Amino acid sequence: QVQLTESGGGLVQPGGSLRLSCAASGTMFTIYGLGWYRQAPGKQRELVAIMFSGGNANYADSVKDRFTISRDIDRNTVSLQMDSLNPEDTAVYYCYADQSGSLYWGQGTQVTVSS
């Protein structure tokens, strides 16, 4: 059973930056996919970015060139550097793990972009 512990998030002004981090525990194996989803009020949860154990990463079109995902395979951690934030990025951000076909979620951390 994989447990995901998130940190970061908060309130930032438009154009600002935030960094989210997530630590995975409860497994001795390399997690296949580790990344972030987000859910804004009244909207479905959507993929933000995910990095696979081989080093490939996928990003939502809306965050490409603004967000950067990084991962420490040995420590089972993943981070999301978010730059040039805008109000449309306001959402609860969830850490996500894909381990041997089983999906795990963190509790979520709020990101609010507002002046």
N, C-alpha and C. Protein backbone atom coordinates (compact mmCIF):
# COMPACT_ATOMS: atom_id res chain seq x y z
N GLN A 1 0.84 -1.19 0.00
CA GLN A 1 0.00 0.00 0.00
C GLN A 1 0.89 1.25 0.00
N VAL A 2 0.72 2.06 -1.02
CA VAL A 2 1.51 3.27 -1.14
C VAL A 2 0.82 4.43 -0.44
N GLN A 3 1.57 5.14 0.38
CA GLN A 3 1.05 6.36 0.99
C GLN A 3 1.77 7.56 0.37
N LEU A 4 1.02 8.60 0.12
CA LEU A 4 1.54 9.80 -0.51
C LEU A 4 1.35 10.99 0.41
N THR A 5 2.43 11.69 0.68
CA THR A 5 2.39 12.85 1.57
C THR A 5 2.83 14.08 0.79
N GLU A 6 1.93 15.03 0.68
CA GLU A 6 2.18 16.24 -0.11
C GLU A 6 2.60 17.40 0.78
N SER A 7 3.33 18.31 0.19
CA SER A 7 3.66 19.56 0.87
C SER A 7 3.75 20.66 -0.19
N GLY A 8 3.65 21.88 0.28
CA GLY A 8 3.66 23.01 -0.63
C GLY A 8 2.24 23.52 -0.83
N GLY A 9 2.04 24.30 -1.84
CA GLY A 9 0.74 24.89 -2.07
C GLY A 9 0.58 26.18 -1.30
N GLY A 10 -0.58 26.82 -1.46
CA GLY A 10 -0.85 28.06 -0.77
C GLY A 10 -1.41 29.12 -1.70
N LEU A 11 -1.28 30.36 -1.26
CA LEU A 11 -1.81 31.50 -2.02
C LEU A 11 -0.66 32.24 -2.69
N VAL A 12 -0.83 32.55 -3.97
CA VAL A 12 0.20 33.27 -4.71
C VAL A 12 -0.47 34.24 -5.66
N GLN A 13 0.21 35.32 -5.96
CA GLN A 13 -0.33 36.30 -6.91
C GLN A 13 -0.11 35.83 -8.34
N PRO A 14 -0.93 36.29 -9.26
CA PRO A 14 -0.72 35.95 -10.68
C PRO A 14 0.70 36.30 -11.12
N GLY A 15 1.29 35.37 -11.87
CA GLY A 15 2.67 35.54 -12.31
C GLY A 15 3.69 34.97 -11.35
N GLY A 16 3.24 34.55 -10.18
CA GLY A 16 4.14 34.03 -9.18
C GLY A 16 4.45 32.55 -9.36
N SER A 17 5.19 32.01 -8.40
CA SER A 17 5.63 30.61 -8.46
C SER A 17 5.33 29.90 -7.16
N LEU A 18 5.15 28.60 -7.28
CA LEU A 18 5.00 27.71 -6.14
C LEU A 18 5.66 26.39 -6.48
N ARG A 19 6.02 25.67 -5.43
CA ARG A 19 6.60 24.34 -5.61
C ARG A 19 5.85 23.35 -4.74
N LEU A 20 5.40 22.27 -5.36
CA LEU A 20 4.74 21.19 -4.65
C LEU A 20 5.69 20.01 -4.57
N SER A 21 5.62 19.30 -3.45
CA SER A 21 6.43 18.11 -3.29
C SER A 21 5.56 16.98 -2.76
N CYS A 22 5.97 15.77 -3.08
CA CYS A 22 5.22 14.58 -2.65
C CYS A 22 6.21 13.47 -2.36
N ALA A 23 6.04 12.84 -1.22
CA ALA A 23 6.88 11.70 -0.84
C ALA A 23 6.02 10.45 -0.78
N ALA A 24 6.47 9.40 -1.43
CA ALA A 24 5.76 8.13 -1.43
C ALA A 24 6.43 7.17 -0.46
N SER A 25 5.63 6.46 0.30
CA SER A 25 6.15 5.48 1.25
C SER A 25 5.29 4.23 1.18
N GLY A 26 5.76 3.18 1.83
CA GLY A 26 4.97 1.96 1.91
C GLY A 26 5.27 0.95 0.82
N THR A 27 6.31 1.22 0.03
CA THR A 27 6.67 0.26 -1.01
C THR A 27 8.18 0.19 -1.12
N MET A 28 8.68 -1.01 -1.42
CA MET A 28 10.10 -1.20 -1.62
C MET A 28 10.45 -1.16 -3.10
N PHE A 29 9.44 -1.02 -3.94
CA PHE A 29 9.64 -1.10 -5.37
C PHE A 29 9.57 0.28 -6.02
N THR A 30 10.19 0.38 -7.16
CA THR A 30 10.12 1.64 -7.91
C THR A 30 8.71 1.84 -8.42
N ILE A 31 8.20 3.02 -8.17
CA ILE A 31 6.85 3.35 -8.64
C ILE A 31 6.90 3.69 -10.12
N TYR A 32 6.02 3.11 -10.89
CA TYR A 32 6.03 3.30 -12.34
C TYR A 32 5.76 4.75 -12.73
N GLY A 33 4.64 5.27 -12.29
CA GLY A 33 4.26 6.64 -12.62
C GLY A 33 4.00 7.44 -11.35
N LEU A 34 4.56 8.63 -11.29
CA LEU A 34 4.40 9.48 -10.11
C LEU A 34 4.19 10.90 -10.61
N GLY A 35 3.12 11.54 -10.16
CA GLY A 35 2.86 12.87 -10.69
C GLY A 35 1.75 13.60 -9.98
N TRP A 36 1.09 14.47 -10.74
CA TRP A 36 0.11 15.39 -10.16
C TRP A 36 -1.12 15.51 -11.03
N TYR A 37 -2.26 15.51 -10.37
CA TYR A 37 -3.54 15.88 -10.96
C TYR A 37 -4.04 17.10 -10.22
N ARG A 38 -5.04 17.74 -10.78
CA ARG A 38 -5.69 18.85 -10.08
C ARG A 38 -7.18 18.85 -10.36
N GLN A 39 -7.91 19.46 -9.43
CA GLN A 39 -9.35 19.56 -9.59
C GLN A 39 -9.79 20.94 -9.14
N ALA A 40 -10.34 21.70 -10.08
CA ALA A 40 -10.88 23.02 -9.78
C ALA A 40 -12.36 22.88 -9.42
N PRO A 41 -12.91 23.83 -8.70
CA PRO A 41 -14.33 23.75 -8.32
C PRO A 41 -15.23 23.59 -9.53
N GLY A 42 -16.10 22.59 -9.48
CA GLY A 42 -17.04 22.37 -10.56
C GLY A 42 -16.47 21.70 -11.79
N LYS A 43 -15.22 21.28 -11.72
CA LYS A 43 -14.58 20.66 -12.87
C LYS A 43 -14.08 19.27 -12.52
N GLN A 44 -13.82 18.48 -13.56
CA GLN A 44 -13.29 17.15 -13.34
C GLN A 44 -11.80 17.21 -13.01
N ARG A 45 -11.36 16.17 -12.33
CA ARG A 45 -9.94 16.06 -12.04
C ARG A 45 -9.19 15.86 -13.35
N GLU A 46 -8.07 16.56 -13.50
CA GLU A 46 -7.32 16.48 -14.74
C GLU A 46 -5.83 16.27 -14.46
N LEU A 47 -5.18 15.62 -15.39
CA LEU A 47 -3.74 15.41 -15.29
C LEU A 47 -3.02 16.74 -15.45
N VAL A 48 -2.05 16.98 -14.57
CA VAL A 48 -1.18 18.14 -14.72
C VAL A 48 0.15 17.69 -15.32
N ALA A 49 0.80 16.76 -14.65
CA ALA A 49 2.08 16.25 -15.13
C ALA A 49 2.36 14.93 -14.45
N ILE A 50 3.04 14.04 -15.16
CA ILE A 50 3.42 12.76 -14.59
C ILE A 50 4.77 12.37 -15.16
N MET A 51 5.59 11.78 -14.32
CA MET A 51 6.89 11.29 -14.76
C MET A 51 6.97 9.80 -14.50
N PHE A 52 7.46 9.07 -15.48
CA PHE A 52 7.55 7.63 -15.38
C PHE A 52 8.94 7.21 -14.94
N SER A 53 9.04 5.98 -14.50
CA SER A 53 10.31 5.51 -13.93
C SER A 53 11.43 5.55 -14.96
N GLY A 54 11.11 5.50 -16.23
CA GLY A 54 12.13 5.57 -17.27
C GLY A 54 12.61 6.97 -17.56
N GLY A 55 11.96 7.97 -16.96
CA GLY A 55 12.39 9.35 -17.13
C GLY A 55 11.51 10.18 -18.05
N ASN A 56 10.60 9.55 -18.78
CA ASN A 56 9.69 10.31 -19.64
C ASN A 56 8.64 11.02 -18.81
N ALA A 57 8.19 12.16 -19.31
CA ALA A 57 7.19 12.95 -18.60
C ALA A 57 6.12 13.41 -19.57
N ASN A 58 4.91 13.49 -19.07
CA ASN A 58 3.79 14.05 -19.82
C ASN A 58 3.24 15.25 -19.08
N TYR A 59 2.85 16.25 -19.85
CA TYR A 59 2.28 17.47 -19.28
C TYR A 59 0.94 17.78 -19.94
N ALA A 60 0.05 18.38 -19.18
CA ALA A 60 -1.15 18.95 -19.79
C ALA A 60 -0.73 20.12 -20.67
N ASP A 61 -1.42 20.30 -21.78
CA ASP A 61 -1.09 21.41 -22.68
C ASP A 61 -1.13 22.75 -21.97
N SER A 62 -2.04 22.88 -21.03
CA SER A 62 -2.24 24.17 -20.36
C SER A 62 -1.08 24.57 -19.45
N VAL A 63 -0.20 23.61 -19.12
CA VAL A 63 0.90 23.92 -18.20
C VAL A 63 2.27 23.77 -18.83
N LYS A 64 2.31 23.27 -20.05
CA LYS A 64 3.61 23.13 -20.73
C LYS A 64 4.32 24.48 -20.77
N ASP A 65 5.61 24.45 -20.58
CA ASP A 65 6.47 25.64 -20.60
C ASP A 65 6.31 26.50 -19.35
N ARG A 66 5.42 26.12 -18.45
CA ARG A 66 5.28 26.86 -17.18
C ARG A 66 5.58 25.99 -15.98
N PHE A 67 5.22 24.72 -16.07
CA PHE A 67 5.42 23.79 -14.96
C PHE A 67 6.52 22.80 -15.31
N THR A 68 7.27 22.39 -14.28
CA THR A 68 8.32 21.40 -14.49
C THR A 68 8.22 20.33 -13.41
N ILE A 69 8.12 19.09 -13.84
CA ILE A 69 8.07 17.97 -12.91
C ILE A 69 9.46 17.37 -12.78
N SER A 70 9.80 16.97 -11.57
CA SER A 70 11.08 16.30 -11.34
C SER A 70 10.85 15.17 -10.35
N ARG A 71 11.75 14.21 -10.39
CA ARG A 71 11.52 13.01 -9.58
C ARG A 71 12.85 12.45 -9.10
N ASP A 72 12.85 11.98 -7.86
CA ASP A 72 13.99 11.27 -7.30
C ASP A 72 13.57 9.82 -7.17
N ILE A 73 14.09 8.98 -8.07
CA ILE A 73 13.67 7.58 -8.08
C ILE A 73 14.04 6.88 -6.79
N ASP A 74 15.25 7.13 -6.30
CA ASP A 74 15.73 6.42 -5.10
C ASP A 74 14.93 6.78 -3.87
N ARG A 75 14.52 8.04 -3.77
CA ARG A 75 13.79 8.50 -2.59
C ARG A 75 12.28 8.42 -2.78
N ASN A 76 11.84 8.05 -3.97
CA ASN A 76 10.40 7.99 -4.26
C ASN A 76 9.71 9.32 -3.97
N THR A 77 10.30 10.38 -4.45
CA THR A 77 9.69 11.70 -4.30
C THR A 77 9.48 12.32 -5.67
N VAL A 78 8.51 13.21 -5.73
CA VAL A 78 8.23 13.94 -6.96
C VAL A 78 7.91 15.38 -6.60
N SER A 79 8.37 16.30 -7.43
CA SER A 79 8.12 17.72 -7.20
C SER A 79 7.55 18.36 -8.45
N LEU A 80 6.82 19.42 -8.24
CA LEU A 80 6.25 20.16 -9.36
C LEU A 80 6.56 21.64 -9.15
N GLN A 81 7.42 22.18 -9.98
CA GLN A 81 7.73 23.60 -9.95
C GLN A 81 6.75 24.31 -10.87
N MET A 82 5.99 25.24 -10.30
CA MET A 82 4.95 25.93 -11.05
C MET A 82 5.32 27.41 -11.17
N ASP A 83 5.54 27.85 -12.37
CA ASP A 83 5.90 29.25 -12.64
C ASP A 83 4.83 29.91 -13.48
N SER A 84 4.87 31.22 -13.50
CA SER A 84 3.91 32.00 -14.29
C SER A 84 2.47 31.57 -14.01
N LEU A 85 2.17 31.42 -12.75
CA LEU A 85 0.83 30.96 -12.36
C LEU A 85 -0.23 31.99 -12.72
N ASN A 86 -1.39 31.51 -13.09
CA ASN A 86 -2.52 32.38 -13.38
C ASN A 86 -3.76 31.86 -12.65
N PRO A 87 -4.79 32.67 -12.54
CA PRO A 87 -5.98 32.26 -11.76
C PRO A 87 -6.59 30.94 -12.22
N GLU A 88 -6.41 30.58 -13.48
CA GLU A 88 -6.95 29.31 -13.98
C GLU A 88 -6.23 28.10 -13.40
N ASP A 89 -5.10 28.32 -12.77
CA ASP A 89 -4.37 27.24 -12.11
C ASP A 89 -4.89 26.96 -10.71
N THR A 90 -5.81 27.77 -10.24
CA THR A 90 -6.38 27.55 -8.91
C THR A 90 -7.12 26.22 -8.86
N ALA A 91 -6.73 25.39 -7.91
CA ALA A 91 -7.32 24.05 -7.80
C ALA A 91 -6.74 23.34 -6.59
N VAL A 92 -7.31 22.21 -6.27
CA VAL A 92 -6.68 21.29 -5.33
C VAL A 92 -5.78 20.37 -6.16
N TYR A 93 -4.54 20.28 -5.77
CA TYR A 93 -3.56 19.47 -6.49
C TYR A 93 -3.33 18.17 -5.71
N TYR A 94 -3.42 17.06 -6.43
CA TYR A 94 -3.30 15.74 -5.82
C TYR A 94 -2.07 15.03 -6.36
N CYS A 95 -1.27 14.52 -5.46
CA CYS A 95 -0.18 13.64 -5.86
C CYS A 95 -0.78 12.29 -6.26
N TYR A 96 -0.17 11.66 -7.22
CA TYR A 96 -0.73 10.44 -7.82
C TYR A 96 0.40 9.44 -8.07
N ALA A 97 0.10 8.18 -7.78
CA ALA A 97 1.08 7.12 -8.02
C ALA A 97 0.42 5.95 -8.73
N ASP A 98 1.13 5.44 -9.71
CA ASP A 98 0.68 4.26 -10.45
C ASP A 98 1.70 3.16 -10.15
N GLN A 99 1.29 2.22 -9.33
CA GLN A 99 2.19 1.15 -8.90
C GLN A 99 1.59 -0.18 -9.29
N SER A 100 2.19 -0.82 -10.28
CA SER A 100 1.76 -2.16 -10.71
C SER A 100 0.27 -2.18 -11.03
N GLY A 101 -0.19 -1.13 -11.66
CA GLY A 101 -1.59 -1.07 -12.07
C GLY A 101 -2.53 -0.58 -11.00
N SER A 102 -2.08 -0.41 -9.79
CA SER A 102 -2.90 0.15 -8.72
C SER A 102 -2.64 1.65 -8.62
N LEU A 103 -3.70 2.41 -8.41
CA LEU A 103 -3.59 3.86 -8.36
C LEU A 103 -3.75 4.35 -6.93
N TYR A 104 -2.93 5.32 -6.55
CA TYR A 104 -2.96 5.87 -5.20
C TYR A 104 -3.00 7.39 -5.30
N TRP A 105 -3.65 8.00 -4.32
CA TRP A 105 -3.82 9.45 -4.31
C TRP A 105 -3.41 10.03 -2.97
N GLY A 106 -2.83 11.22 -3.01
CA GLY A 106 -2.62 11.98 -1.80
C GLY A 106 -3.90 12.68 -1.39
N GLN A 107 -3.84 13.37 -0.27
CA GLN A 107 -5.03 14.03 0.26
C GLN A 107 -5.34 15.33 -0.46
N GLY A 108 -4.37 15.86 -1.16
CA GLY A 108 -4.59 17.09 -1.91
C GLY A 108 -4.06 18.30 -1.16
N THR A 109 -3.61 19.28 -1.93
CA THR A 109 -3.14 20.54 -1.37
C THR A 109 -3.70 21.68 -2.22
N GLN A 110 -4.18 22.70 -1.55
CA GLN A 110 -4.84 23.80 -2.26
C GLN A 110 -3.81 24.77 -2.83
N VAL A 111 -4.01 25.12 -4.08
CA VAL A 111 -3.24 26.19 -4.73
C VAL A 111 -4.23 27.25 -5.17
N THR A 112 -4.03 28.46 -4.70
CA THR A 112 -4.91 29.57 -5.05
C THR A 112 -4.07 30.68 -5.67
N VAL A 113 -4.46 31.09 -6.86
CA VAL A 113 -3.76 32.17 -7.57
C VAL A 113 -4.71 33.35 -7.64
N SER A 114 -4.38 34.38 -6.90
CA SER A 114 -5.29 35.53 -6.82
C SER A 114 -4.51 36.75 -6.38
N SER A 115 -4.96 37.89 -6.87
CA SER A 115 -4.36 39.16 -6.43
C SER A 115 -5.13 39.73 -5.25
